[in-house]
C-alpha atoms as a PDB file:
ATOM      1  CA  MET A   1      -0.282  -0.250   0.086  1.00  0.00           C
ATOM      2  CA  GLU A   2       1.551   3.508  -1.159  1.00  0.00           C
ATOM      3  CA  SER A   3       0.244   6.138   0.640  1.00  0.00           C
ATOM      4  CA  PHE A   4       0.901  10.500   1.149  1.00  0.00           C
ATOM      5  CA  GLY A   5      -1.071  12.140   3.674  1.00  0.00           C
ATOM      6  CA  THR A   6      -4.387  10.515   4.291  1.00  0.00           C
ATOM      7  CA  VAL A   7      -5.120   9.092   0.897  1.00  0.00           C
ATOM      8  CA  SER A   8      -3.862   5.771   0.546  1.00  0.00           C
ATOM      9  CA  PHE A   9      -3.320   3.471  -2.715  1.00  0.00           C
ATOM     10  CA  PRO A  10      -3.100  -0.192  -3.261  1.00  0.00           C
ATOM     11  CA  ASN A  11      -0.379  -2.089  -4.981  1.00  0.00           C
ATOM     12  CA  ILE A  12      -1.622  -2.578  -8.338  1.00  0.00           C
ATOM     13  CA  THR A  13       1.020  -4.146  -9.541  1.00  0.00           C
ATOM     14  CA  LEU A  14       0.035  -6.995  -7.450  1.00  0.00           C
ATOM     15  CA  TYR A  15      -3.634  -7.053  -8.038  1.00  0.00           C
ATOM     16  CA  SER A  16      -2.550  -6.877 -12.153  1.00  0.00           C
ATOM     17  CA  ILE A  17      -0.473 -10.412 -11.630  1.00  0.00           C
ATOM     18  CA  ALA A  18      -3.696 -12.166 -10.657  1.00  0.00           C
ATOM     19  CA  ILE A  19      -5.907 -10.436 -12.966  1.00  0.00           C
ATOM     20  CA  TYR A  20      -3.723 -11.314 -16.211  1.00  0.00           C
ATOM     21  CA  ALA A  21      -3.082 -14.686 -14.887  1.00  0.00           C
ATOM     22  CA  THR A  22      -6.662 -15.173 -14.748  1.00  0.00           C
ATOM     23  CA  GLY A  23      -7.875 -13.669 -17.644  1.00  0.00           C
ATOM     24  CA  ILE A  24      -5.692 -15.266 -19.466  1.00  0.00           C
ATOM     25  CA  VAL A  25      -6.236 -19.172 -18.438  1.00  0.00           C
ATOM     26  CA  ALA A  26     -10.332 -18.382 -18.864  1.00  0.00           C
ATOM     27  CA  GLU A  27      -9.490 -17.354 -22.397  1.00  0.00           C
ATOM     28  CA  VAL A  28      -7.337 -20.114 -23.075  1.00  0.00           C
ATOM     29  CA  MET A  29     -10.348 -22.544 -21.845  1.00  0.00           C
ATOM     30  CA  LEU A  30     -13.048 -20.355 -23.880  1.00  0.00           C
ATOM     31  CA  ILE A  31     -11.219 -21.297 -27.161  1.00  0.00           C
ATOM     32  CA  TYR A  32     -10.438 -24.981 -25.892  1.00  0.00           C
ATOM     33  CA  PHE A  33     -14.047 -25.743 -25.193  1.00  0.00           C
ATOM     34  CA  GLY A  34     -15.283 -23.727 -28.399  1.00  0.00           C
ATOM     35  CA  ARG A  35     -17.234 -20.902 -26.564  1.00  0.00           C
ATOM     36  CA  VAL A  36     -15.623 -17.462 -28.057  1.00  0.00           C
ATOM     37  CA  LYS A  37     -13.522 -17.002 -31.366  1.00  0.00           C
ATOM     38  CA  GLY A  38      -9.486 -16.899 -31.007  1.00  0.00           C
ATOM     39  CA  ARG A  39      -6.630 -18.293 -31.461  1.00  0.00           C
ATOM     40  CA  TYR A  40      -3.356 -19.784 -29.137  1.00  0.00           C
ATOM     41  CA  GLU A  41      -0.193 -21.057 -30.942  1.00  0.00           C
ATOM     42  CA  ARG A  42       1.803 -22.411 -27.870  1.00  0.00           C
ATOM     43  CA  ASN A  43       5.525 -20.792 -28.943  1.00  0.00           C
ATOM     44  CA  ASP A  44       4.251 -17.863 -29.383  1.00  0.00           C
ATOM     45  CA  ALA A  45       2.320 -17.801 -26.504  1.00  0.00           C
ATOM     46  CA  ILE A  46       5.078 -18.513 -24.311  1.00  0.00           C
ATOM     47  CA  THR A  47       7.407 -15.643 -26.349  1.00  0.00           C
ATOM     48  CA  SER A  48       5.109 -13.436 -25.184  1.00  0.00           C
ATOM     49  CA  LEU A  49       5.200 -14.013 -21.213  1.00  0.00           C
ATOM     50  CA  LEU A  50       8.841 -14.381 -21.496  1.00  0.00           C
ATOM     51  CA  MET A  51       8.701 -10.976 -22.583  1.00  0.00           C
ATOM     52  CA  GLY A  52       6.353 -10.060 -20.368  1.00  0.00           C
ATOM     53  CA  THR A  53       9.020 -11.496 -17.979  1.00  0.00           C
ATOM     54  CA  GLY A  54      11.731  -9.582 -18.826  1.00  0.00           C
ATOM     55  CA  ASN A  55       9.937  -6.629 -18.886  1.00  0.00           C
ATOM     56  CA  VAL A  56       8.936  -6.834 -14.916  1.00  0.00           C
ATOM     57  CA  VAL A  57      12.652  -6.649 -14.221  1.00  0.00           C
ATOM     58  CA  VAL A  58      13.275  -3.781 -16.033  1.00  0.00           C
ATOM     59  CA  THR A  59       9.864  -2.125 -15.452  1.00  0.00           C
ATOM     60  CA  ILE A  60      11.516  -1.623 -11.819  1.00  0.00           C
ATOM     61  CA  ALA A  61      14.172   0.305 -12.859  1.00  0.00           C
ATOM     62  CA  TYR A  62      12.101   2.509 -15.183  1.00  0.00           C
ATOM     63  CA  ALA A  63       9.634   3.110 -12.296  1.00  0.00           C
ATOM     64  CA  PHE A  64      12.217   4.379 -10.406  1.00  0.00           C
ATOM     65  CA  ILE A  65      13.594   6.694 -12.617  1.00  0.00           C
ATOM     66  CA  ILE A  66      10.244   7.920 -13.595  1.00  0.00           C
ATOM     67  CA  LEU A  67       9.000   8.493  -9.711  1.00  0.00           C
ATOM     68  CA  ASN A  68      12.254  10.427  -9.213  1.00  0.00           C
ATOM     69  CA  LEU A  69      11.711  12.428 -11.751  1.00  0.00           C
ATOM     70  CA  MET A  70       8.234  12.964 -11.314  1.00  0.00           C
ATOM     71  CA  TYR A  71       8.860  13.927  -7.597  1.00  0.00           C
ATOM     72  CA  PHE A  72      11.536  16.704  -8.940  1.00  0.00           C
ATOM     73  CA  ALA A  73       8.810  18.135 -10.984  1.00  0.00           C
ATOM     74  CA  TYR A  74       6.379  18.110  -8.088  1.00  0.00           C
ATOM     75  CA  GLU A  75       8.541  20.570  -6.235  1.00  0.00           C
ATOM     76  CA  HIS A  76       7.783  22.773  -8.919  1.00  0.00           C
ATOM     77  CA  ARG A  77       4.409  22.346  -9.509  1.00  0.00           C
ATOM     78  CA  ILE A  78       2.063  24.678 -10.487  1.00  0.00           C
ATOM     79  CA  PHE A  79      -1.196  23.852  -9.084  1.00  0.00           C
ATOM     80  CA  ASP A  80      -1.627  22.068  -5.305  1.00  0.00           C
ATOM     81  CA  LEU A  81      -4.037  19.921  -6.578  1.00  0.00           C
ATOM     82  CA  LYS A  82      -6.340  17.754  -3.706  1.00  0.00           C
ATOM     83  CA  ILE A  83      -6.356  14.079  -3.945  1.00  0.00           C
ATOM     84  CA  ASN A  84      -9.939  13.366  -4.622  1.00  0.00           C
ATOM     85  CA  TRP A  85     -12.275  11.666  -7.186  1.00  0.00           C
ATOM     86  CA  LEU A  86     -12.331  14.943  -9.732  1.00  0.00           C
ATOM     87  CA  THR A  87      -8.286  15.190  -9.752  1.00  0.00           C
ATOM     88  CA  GLY A  88      -8.317  11.517  -9.419  1.00  0.00           C
ATOM     89  CA  ILE A  89     -10.407  11.471 -13.248  1.00  0.00           C
ATOM     90  CA  LEU A  90      -8.202  14.107 -14.522  1.00  0.00           C
ATOM     91  CA  CYS A  91      -5.558  12.529 -13.428  1.00  0.00           C
ATOM     92  CA  PHE A  92      -6.847   9.231 -15.231  1.00  0.00           C
ATOM     93  CA  VAL A  93      -7.192  12.042 -18.796  1.00  0.00           C
ATOM     94  CA  ALA A  94      -4.257  13.390 -18.854  1.00  0.00           C
ATOM     95  CA  ASP A  95      -2.404  10.319 -18.634  1.00  0.00           C
ATOM     96  CA  ASP A  96      -4.171   8.725 -20.956  1.00  0.00           C
ATOM     97  CA  PHE A  97      -3.516  11.692 -23.597  1.00  0.00           C
ATOM     98  CA  ARG A  98       0.041  11.200 -22.494  1.00  0.00           C
ATOM     99  CA  ARG A  99      -0.069   7.610 -23.334  1.00  0.00           C
ATOM    100  CA  PHE A 100      -1.884   8.557 -26.901  1.00  0.00           C
ATOM    101  CA  VAL A 101       0.796  11.068 -27.504  1.00  0.00           C
ATOM    102  CA  PHE A 102       3.382   8.883 -27.020  1.00  0.00           C
ATOM    103  CA  HIS A 103       2.340   5.811 -28.701  1.00  0.00           C
ATOM    104  CA  ALA A 104       1.845   7.881 -31.759  1.00  0.00           C
ATOM    105  CA  GLY A 105       5.215   8.631 -31.823  1.00  0.00           C
ATOM    106  CA  THR A 106       6.494   4.870 -31.193  1.00  0.00           C
ATOM    107  CA  HIS A 107       4.944   4.536 -34.863  1.00  0.00           C
ATOM    108  CA  ARG A 108       6.384   7.434 -36.479  1.00  0.00           C
ATOM    109  CA  ILE A 109       9.660   7.898 -34.788  1.00  0.00           C
ATOM    110  CA  ARG A 110      12.116   4.248 -35.641  1.00  0.00           C
ATOM    111  CA  TRP A 111      14.194   4.817 -32.362  1.00  0.00           C
ATOM    112  CA  TRP A 112      10.990   4.767 -30.264  1.00  0.00           C
ATOM    113  CA  TRP A 113       9.546   2.143 -32.761  1.00  0.00           C
ATOM    114  CA  ALA A 114      12.662  -0.103 -32.035  1.00  0.00           C
ATOM    115  CA  ASP A 115      11.753  -0.523 -28.466  1.00  0.00           C
ATOM    116  CA  HIS A 116       7.954  -1.102 -28.972  1.00  0.00           C
ATOM    117  CA  VAL A 117       7.938  -3.079 -32.275  1.00  0.00           C
ATOM    118  CA  ASN A 118       8.338  -6.350 -30.200  1.00  0.00           C
ATOM    119  CA  HIS A 119       4.728  -5.304 -29.127  1.00  0.00           C
ATOM    120  CA  HIS A 120       3.496  -5.885 -32.667  1.00  0.00           C
ATOM    121  CA  SER A 121       5.579  -8.948 -33.542  1.00  0.00           C
ATOM    122  CA  SER A 122       2.997 -11.748 -32.584  1.00  0.00           C
ATOM    123  CA  GLN A 123       0.787 -12.773 -35.487  1.00  0.00           C
ATOM    124  CA  HIS A 124      -1.713 -14.093 -32.944  1.00  0.00           C
ATOM    125  CA  PHE A 125      -3.477 -11.511 -30.807  1.00  0.00           C
ATOM    126  CA  ASN A 126      -4.948 -13.038 -27.343  1.00  0.00           C
ATOM    127  CA  LEU A 127      -4.386 -11.694 -24.124  1.00  0.00           C
ATOM    128  CA  THR A 128      -0.684 -13.485 -23.993  1.00  0.00           C
ATOM    129  CA  THR A 129       0.392 -10.645 -26.851  1.00  0.00           C
ATOM    130  CA  ALA A 130      -0.737  -7.714 -24.035  1.00  0.00           C
ATOM    131  CA  LEU A 131       2.404  -9.044 -22.015  1.00  0.00           C
ATOM    132  CA  ARG A 132       4.547  -9.246 -25.015  1.00  0.00           C
ATOM    133  CA  GLN A 133       6.350  -5.816 -23.278  1.00  0.00           C
ATOM    134  CA  PRO A 134       9.960  -4.071 -24.591  1.00  0.00           C
ATOM    135  CA  TRP A 135      13.197  -4.410 -22.595  1.00  0.00           C
ATOM    136  CA  THR A 136      14.698  -1.567 -23.965  1.00  0.00           C
ATOM    137  CA  SER A 137      12.449   1.472 -22.623  1.00  0.00           C
ATOM    138  CA  LEU A 138      14.848   2.804 -20.430  1.00  0.00           C
ATOM    139  CA  LEU A 139      16.782   3.595 -23.960  1.00  0.00           C
ATOM    140  CA  THR A 140      13.772   5.800 -25.585  1.00  0.00           C
ATOM    141  CA  GLY A 141      14.151   8.830 -22.928  1.00  0.00           C
ATOM    142  CA  ALA A 142      10.023   8.924 -23.095  1.00  0.00           C
ATOM    143  CA  PHE A 143       9.946   9.002 -18.980  1.00  0.00           C
ATOM    144  CA  VAL A 144      10.743  12.312 -19.635  1.00  0.00           C
ATOM    145  CA  LEU A 145       6.809  12.931 -20.430  1.00  0.00           C
ATOM    146  CA  TYR A 146       5.932  11.901 -17.422  1.00  0.00           C
ATOM    147  CA  MET A 147       6.720  14.929 -16.230  1.00  0.00           C
ATOM    148  CA  PRO A 148       4.126  17.589 -17.280  1.00  0.00           C
ATOM    149  CA  LEU A 149       1.418  15.744 -14.900  1.00  0.00           C
ATOM    150  CA  ALA A 150       3.528  16.309 -11.986  1.00  0.00           C
ATOM    151  CA  TRP A 151       4.352  19.738 -12.561  1.00  0.00           C
ATOM    152  CA  LEU A 152       0.514  20.401 -13.112  1.00  0.00           C
ATOM    153  CA  GLY A 153       0.291  19.123  -9.718  1.00  0.00           C
ATOM    154  CA  PHE A 154      -0.680  15.546  -9.815  1.00  0.00           C
ATOM    155  CA  HIS A 155       0.824  13.609  -7.204  1.00  0.00           C
ATOM    156  CA  PRO A 156       3.616  11.359  -8.490  1.00  0.00           C
ATOM    157  CA  LEU A 157       1.679   8.134  -6.409  1.00  0.00           C
ATOM    158  CA  LEU A 158      -1.600   8.881  -7.999  1.00  0.00           C
ATOM    159  CA  VAL A 159       0.184   9.236 -11.576  1.00  0.00           C
ATOM    160  CA  LEU A 160       1.255   5.416 -11.308  1.00  0.00           C
ATOM    161  CA  PHE A 161      -1.633   4.745  -9.916  1.00  0.00           C
ATOM    162  CA  VAL A 162      -4.338   5.568 -12.511  1.00  0.00           C
ATOM    163  CA  GLY A 163      -0.959   4.673 -15.178  1.00  0.00           C
ATOM    164  CA  GLY A 164      -2.075   0.744 -12.992  1.00  0.00           C
ATOM    165  CA  ILE A 165      -5.363   1.083 -14.094  1.00  0.00           C
ATOM    166  CA  ASN A 166      -4.910   1.808 -17.298  1.00  0.00           C
ATOM    167  CA  LEU A 167      -2.723  -0.905 -18.261  1.00  0.00           C
ATOM    168  CA  ILE A 168      -4.753  -3.345 -16.408  1.00  0.00           C
ATOM    169  CA  TYR A 169      -7.592  -2.300 -18.495  1.00  0.00           C
ATOM    170  CA  GLN A 170      -5.749  -2.063 -22.112  1.00  0.00           C
ATOM    171  CA  PHE A 171      -4.704  -5.899 -20.849  1.00  0.00           C
ATOM    172  CA  PHE A 172      -7.997  -7.109 -21.974  1.00  0.00           C
ATOM    173  CA  LEU A 173      -8.117  -4.902 -25.415  1.00  0.00           C
ATOM    174  CA  HIS A 174      -5.974  -7.939 -26.874  1.00  0.00           C
ATOM    175  CA  THR A 175      -8.443 -10.659 -27.724  1.00  0.00           C
ATOM    176  CA  GLU A 176     -10.486 -11.875 -30.820  1.00  0.00           C
ATOM    177  CA  THR A 177     -13.207 -13.128 -28.019  1.00  0.00           C
ATOM    178  CA  VAL A 178     -15.201  -9.941 -28.175  1.00  0.00           C
ATOM    179  CA  GLY A 179     -16.998  -8.264 -30.967  1.00  0.00           C
ATOM    180  CA  LYS A 180     -18.209  -4.768 -31.153  1.00  0.00           C
ATOM    181  CA  LEU A 181     -19.377  -3.436 -27.593  1.00  0.00           C
ATOM    182  CA  TRP A 182     -22.304  -0.534 -27.642  1.00  0.00           C
ATOM    183  CA  LYS A 183     -21.714   2.216 -30.097  1.00  0.00           C
ATOM    184  CA  PRO A 184     -21.855   4.822 -26.796  1.00  0.00           C
ATOM    185  CA  ILE A 185     -18.879   2.430 -25.533  1.00  0.00           C
ATOM    186  CA  GLU A 186     -17.047   2.144 -29.268  1.00  0.00           C
ATOM    187  CA  PHE A 187     -16.761   6.242 -29.801  1.00  0.00           C
ATOM    188  CA  VAL A 188     -15.656   6.602 -26.212  1.00  0.00           C
ATOM    189  CA  PHE A 189     -13.132   3.965 -25.026  1.00  0.00           C
ATOM    190  CA  ASN A 190     -10.826   1.722 -26.487  1.00  0.00           C
ATOM    191  CA  THR A 191     -11.765  -1.335 -27.447  1.00  0.00           C
ATOM    192  CA  PRO A 192     -11.161  -4.790 -28.320  1.00  0.00           C
ATOM    193  CA  SER A 193     -12.383  -4.087 -31.977  1.00  0.00           C
ATOM    194  CA  HIS A 194     -10.160  -1.063 -32.267  1.00  0.00           C
ATOM    195  CA  HIS A 195      -7.355  -2.708 -30.763  1.00  0.00           C
ATOM    196  CA  ARG A 196      -7.244  -5.204 -33.266  1.00  0.00           C
ATOM    197  CA  VAL A 197      -7.489  -2.685 -36.121  1.00  0.00           C
ATOM    198  CA  HIS A 198      -3.774  -1.123 -34.000  1.00  0.00           C
ATOM    199  CA  HIS A 199      -2.298  -4.645 -33.921  1.00  0.00           C
ATOM    200  CA  SER A 200      -3.123  -5.051 -37.745  1.00  0.00           C
ATOM    201  CA  ASN A 201      -0.451  -4.846 -40.953  1.00  0.00           C
ATOM    202  CA  ASN A 202      -3.542  -4.524 -43.256  1.00  0.00           C
ATOM    203  CA  PRO A 203      -2.117  -1.092 -45.251  1.00  0.00           C
ATOM    204  CA  ARG A 204      -5.739   0.402 -44.304  1.00  0.00           C
ATOM    205  CA  TYR A 205      -5.221  -0.111 -40.533  1.00  0.00           C
ATOM    206  CA  LEU A 206      -1.100   0.827 -40.255  1.00  0.00           C
ATOM    207  CA  ASP A 207      -0.419   3.773 -37.854  1.00  0.00           C
ATOM    208  CA  SER A 208      -4.191   4.024 -36.783  1.00  0.00           C
ATOM    209  CA  ASN A 209      -5.942   3.427 -33.611  1.00  0.00           C
ATOM    210  CA  TYR A 210      -3.434   4.786 -31.144  1.00  0.00           C
ATOM    211  CA  GLY A 211      -5.123   5.230 -27.960  1.00  0.00           C
ATOM    212  CA  ALA A 212      -4.654   3.295 -24.308  1.00  0.00           C
ATOM    213  CA  ALA A 213      -8.263   3.211 -22.521  1.00  0.00           C
ATOM    214  CA  LEU A 214      -9.377   6.148 -24.977  1.00  0.00           C
ATOM    215  CA  ILE A 215     -10.443   6.166 -28.540  1.00  0.00           C
ATOM    216  CA  VAL A 216     -11.290   9.753 -28.338  1.00  0.00           C
ATOM    217  CA  TRP A 217      -8.176  11.037 -29.407  1.00  0.00           C
ATOM    218  CA  ASP A 218      -7.984   9.604 -32.418  1.00  0.00           C
ATOM    219  CA  ARG A 219     -11.355  10.841 -33.420  1.00  0.00           C
ATOM    220  CA  ILE A 220      -9.636  14.233 -32.563  1.00  0.00           C
ATOM    221  CA  PHE A 221      -6.411  13.910 -34.580  1.00  0.00           C
ATOM    222  CA  GLY A 222      -7.856  12.068 -37.166  1.00  0.00           C
ATOM    223  CA  THR A 223      -5.759   8.499 -36.954  1.00  0.00           C
ATOM    224  CA  PHE A 224      -9.274   6.314 -36.358  1.00  0.00           C
ATOM    225  CA  VAL A 225     -10.181   3.610 -38.141  1.00  0.00           C
ATOM    226  CA  GLU A 226     -13.170   1.496 -38.066  1.00  0.00           C
ATOM    227  CA  GLU A 227     -12.677  -2.241 -37.963  1.00  0.00           C
ATOM    228  CA  ARG A 228     -14.230  -3.809 -41.251  1.00  0.00           C
ATOM    229  CA  ASP A 229     -15.981  -6.963 -41.655  1.00  0.00           C
ATOM    230  CA  GLU A 230     -14.399  -7.316 -45.352  1.00  0.00           C
ATOM    231  CA  ASP A 231     -11.302  -6.401 -44.178  1.00  0.00           C
ATOM    232  CA  VAL A 232     -10.293  -8.869 -41.261  1.00  0.00           C
ATOM    233  CA  PRO A 233      -7.301  -7.749 -39.715  1.00  0.00           C
ATOM    234  CA  GLN A 234      -4.094  -9.697 -40.191  1.00  0.00           C
ATOM    235  CA  TYR A 235      -1.530  -9.219 -37.087  1.00  0.00           C
ATOM    236  CA  GLY A 236       2.243  -8.895 -36.981  1.00  0.00           C
ATOM    237  CA  ILE A 237       4.684  -6.541 -38.307  1.00  0.00           C
ATOM    238  CA  VAL A 238       5.051  -5.779 -41.998  1.00  0.00           C
ATOM    239  CA  SER A 239       8.023  -8.037 -42.721  1.00  0.00           C
ATOM    240  CA  ASP A 240       7.879 -10.828 -40.146  1.00  0.00           C
ATOM    241  CA  ILE A 241      11.044 -11.830 -38.109  1.00  0.00           C
ATOM    242  CA  ALA A 242       9.456 -15.479 -38.477  1.00  0.00           C
ATOM    243  CA  THR A 243      11.190 -16.438 -34.701  1.00  0.00           C
ATOM    244  CA  PHE A 244      10.203 -17.528 -31.673  1.00  0.00           C
ATOM    245  CA  ASN A 245      13.510 -16.215 -30.013  1.00  0.00           C
ATOM    246  CA  ILE A 246      12.578 -13.700 -27.304  1.00  0.00           C
ATOM    247  CA  PHE A 247      16.593 -12.065 -27.875  1.00  0.00           C
ATOM    248  CA  LEU A 248      15.823 -11.787 -31.471  1.00  0.00           C
ATOM    249  CA  VAL A 249      12.223 -10.577 -30.775  1.00  0.00           C
ATOM    250  CA  ALA A 250      13.394  -7.951 -27.977  1.00  0.00           C
ATOM    251  CA  PHE A 251      16.509  -6.194 -29.770  1.00  0.00           C
ATOM    252  CA  HIS A 252      15.948  -6.740 -33.606  1.00  0.00           C
ATOM    253  CA  GLU A 253      15.076  -3.658 -34.433  1.00  0.00           C
ATOM    254  CA  TRP A 254      17.705  -2.229 -32.882  1.00  0.00           C
ATOM    255  CA  ILE A 255      20.190  -4.053 -34.601  1.00  0.00           C
ATOM    256  CA  ASP A 256      19.049  -3.283 -37.465  1.00  0.00           C
ATOM    257  CA  MET A 257      18.618   0.580 -37.254  1.00  0.00           C
ATOM    258  CA  PHE A 258      22.478   0.759 -36.032  1.00  0.00           C
ATOM    259  CA  ARG A 259      23.530  -1.480 -38.988  1.00  0.00           C
ATOM    260  CA  ASP A 260      21.491   1.186 -41.179  1.00  0.00           C
ATOM    261  CA  ILE A 261      23.412   3.919 -39.358  1.00  0.00           C
ATOM    262  CA  ALA A 262      26.840   2.555 -39.348  1.00  0.00           C
ATOM    263  CA  ARG A 263      26.415   2.331 -43.498  1.00  0.00           C
ATOM    264  CA  PRO A 264      29.134   3.730 -45.577  1.00  0.00           C
ATOM    265  CA  GLY A 265      29.014   6.719 -47.713  1.00  0.00           C
ATOM    266  CA  LEU A 266      25.778   8.222 -45.884  1.00  0.00           C
ATOM    267  CA  THR A 267      25.903  11.727 -44.853  1.00  0.00           C
ATOM    268  CA  LEU A 268      25.159  12.985 -41.455  1.00  0.00           C
ATOM    269  CA  LYS A 269      21.381  13.621 -42.181  1.00  0.00           C
ATOM    270  CA  GLN A 270      20.977  10.680 -43.461  1.00  0.00           C
ATOM    271  CA  ARG A 271      22.131   8.385 -40.558  1.00  0.00           C
ATOM    272  CA  LEU A 272      19.731  10.589 -38.339  1.00  0.00           C
ATOM    273  CA  GLY A 273      16.949  10.217 -40.347  1.00  0.00           C
ATOM    274  CA  TYR A 274      17.873   5.802 -39.721  1.00  0.00           C
ATOM    275  CA  ILE A 275      16.844   6.998 -36.451  1.00  0.00           C
ATOM    276  CA  PHE A 276      14.121   9.681 -36.544  1.00  0.00           C
ATOM    277  CA  MET A 277      12.301   9.067 -39.848  1.00  0.00           C
ATOM    278  CA  PRO A 278       9.384   6.728 -39.474  1.00  0.00           C
ATOM    279  CA  PRO A 279       9.796   3.211 -39.741  1.00  0.00           C
ATOM    280  CA  GLY A 280      11.126   2.399 -43.382  1.00  0.00           C
ATOM    281  CA  TRP A 281      12.161   5.261 -44.213  1.00  0.00           C
ATOM    282  CA  SER A 282      15.356   4.905 -46.175  1.00  0.00           C
ATOM    283  CA  HIS A 283      17.785   7.150 -47.816  1.00  0.00           C
ATOM    284  CA  ASP A 284      17.735   6.014 -51.322  1.00  0.00           C
ATOM    285  CA  GLY A 285      13.854   5.190 -51.559  1.00  0.00           C
ATOM    286  CA  SER A 286      14.424   1.502 -51.322  1.00  0.00           C
ATOM    287  CA  ARG A 287      12.338   1.170 -48.797  1.00  0.00           C
ATOM    288  CA  LYS A 288       8.796   1.328 -48.265  1.00  0.00           C
ATOM    289  CA  GLY A 289       7.161   2.463 -45.275  1.00  0.00           C
ATOM    290  CA  SER A 290       3.251   2.515 -44.041  1.00  0.00           C
ATOM    291  CA  ASP A 291       2.290   5.729 -46.602  1.00  0.00           C
ATOM    292  CA  ASP A 292       3.393   4.049 -49.339  1.00  0.00           C
ATOM    293  CA  LEU A 293       2.386   0.773 -48.809  1.00  0.00           C
ATOM    294  CA  LYS A 294      -1.520   2.668 -48.147  1.00  0.00           C
ATOM    295  CA  ALA A 295      -0.411   4.265 -51.752  1.00  0.00           C
ATOM    296  CA  ASP A 296       0.331   0.332 -53.242  1.00  0.00           C
ATOM    297  CA  TYR A 297      -2.855  -0.612 -52.058  1.00  0.00           C
ATOM    298  CA  VAL A 298      -4.810   2.317 -53.674  1.00  0.00           C
ATOM    299  CA  ARG A 299      -3.611   1.642 -57.125  1.00  0.00           C
ATOM    300  CA  LEU A 300      -4.839  -1.771 -56.237  1.00  0.00           C
ATOM    301  CA  ASN A 301      -7.823  -1.026 -55.410  1.00  0.00           C
ATOM    302  CA  PRO A 302      -9.126   2.030 -56.547  1.00  0.00           C
ATOM    303  CA  ASP A 303     -12.517   1.844 -55.266  1.00  0.00           C
ATOM    304  CA  GLN A 304     -11.427   1.764 -51.840  1.00  0.00           C
ATOM    305  CA  ALA A 305      -9.280   5.381 -52.707  1.00  0.00           C
ATOM    306  CA  GLY A 306      -9.664   7.560 -49.619  1.00  0.00           C
ATOM    307  CA  MET A 307     -11.933   5.727 -47.559  1.00  0.00           C
ATOM    308  CA  PRO A 308     -10.707   5.806 -43.182  1.00  0.00           C
ATOM    309  CA  GLY A 309      -7.079   5.121 -43.536  1.00  0.00           C
ATOM    310  CA  LEU A 310      -6.273   5.036 -47.393  1.00  0.00           C
ATOM    311  CA  PRO A 311      -5.198   8.248 -49.295  1.00  0.00           C
ATOM    312  CA  GLY A 312      -7.496   9.288 -52.109  1.00  0.00           C
ATOM    313  CA  LEU A 313      -6.168   8.499 -55.825  1.00  0.00           C
ATOM    314  CA  PRO A 314      -2.893  10.012 -56.857  1.00  0.00           C
ATOM    315  CA  ALA A 315      -4.087  13.164 -59.152  1.00  0.00           C
ATOM    316  CA  VAL A 316      -3.254  12.306 -62.931  1.00  0.00           C
ATOM    317  CA  THR A 317      -1.001  14.400 -64.715  1.00  0.00           C
ATOM    318  CA  GLN A 318      -2.224  16.587 -67.615  1.00  0.00           C
ATOM    319  CA  VAL A 319      -0.379  15.585 -71.024  1.00  0.00           C
ATOM    320  CA  PRO A 320      -0.320  18.910 -73.121  1.00  0.00           C
ATOM    321  CA  GLN A 321      -2.050  17.750 -76.633  1.00  0.00           C
ATOM    322  CA  PRO A 322      -0.009  19.350 -79.655  1.00  0.00           C
ATOM    323  CA  ALA A 323      -2.098  21.910 -81.457  1.00  0.00           C
ATOM    324  CA  GLU A 324      -3.959  20.950 -84.279  1.00  0.00           C
END
């Protein structure tokens, strides 16, 4: 039990372990007896569980750094916010927006993608996929994004508490057993349907639905794409790494990125491009990022042009006709 003043917070980590274990066992049993839709593959699930175990070890150090940074920012806070239901809800919403911003960044900045990509590396989508978490978060520097919340006046322990609730909620998004929910819920909250889209490598669905617990941020910023029955999500990254080796899962993109940076004959700008440009970027245009894959899909399926998640048809260049 963590506390300050007269307010105490339960240890959300201990509760989450029990919730995760119960959820996975229940999903496996329901799928096994044919009661719900879903797929499990033994080696894939074991890989996800081992990645989650490694992440727990890393998170101890990660949380120590985050907490100390937030306490430093809290000492210089702008507002003295009391701890009550209202500030708790405000903190949850603010933290959820922070998660949306960071999550969008992990898909558009290769340095952050190198850490996040392992979470997308499974070709299955079940509750164990939620536990396929990175080991290299300390390298990203993203922990500084926690500081503004404490600087605004939210107590660090409150930030960690609402963040823990958010993570537990997100755990249950990783499933095929639940279809679409009541429309008002689907409009405001992230749901399994929305998150299936996010984990899909279908061109239509790439780089969409970054929300954590709330999907309203995607609706506001134009990154929302709805799951479509005629375009069933296919899971995994665009270029499958085809391995259950946990070390390759954890570090493959870092290795590839540093190989690109070390290529001979590149300018400093090009080397920096391999760090800060989106995944798939290359200095000579020899690779394809998500925008290129979407454009390719539209060229092959022109009837889909301009639909959510897809660009319009490229403008046709008018060739001047010779004068008669």
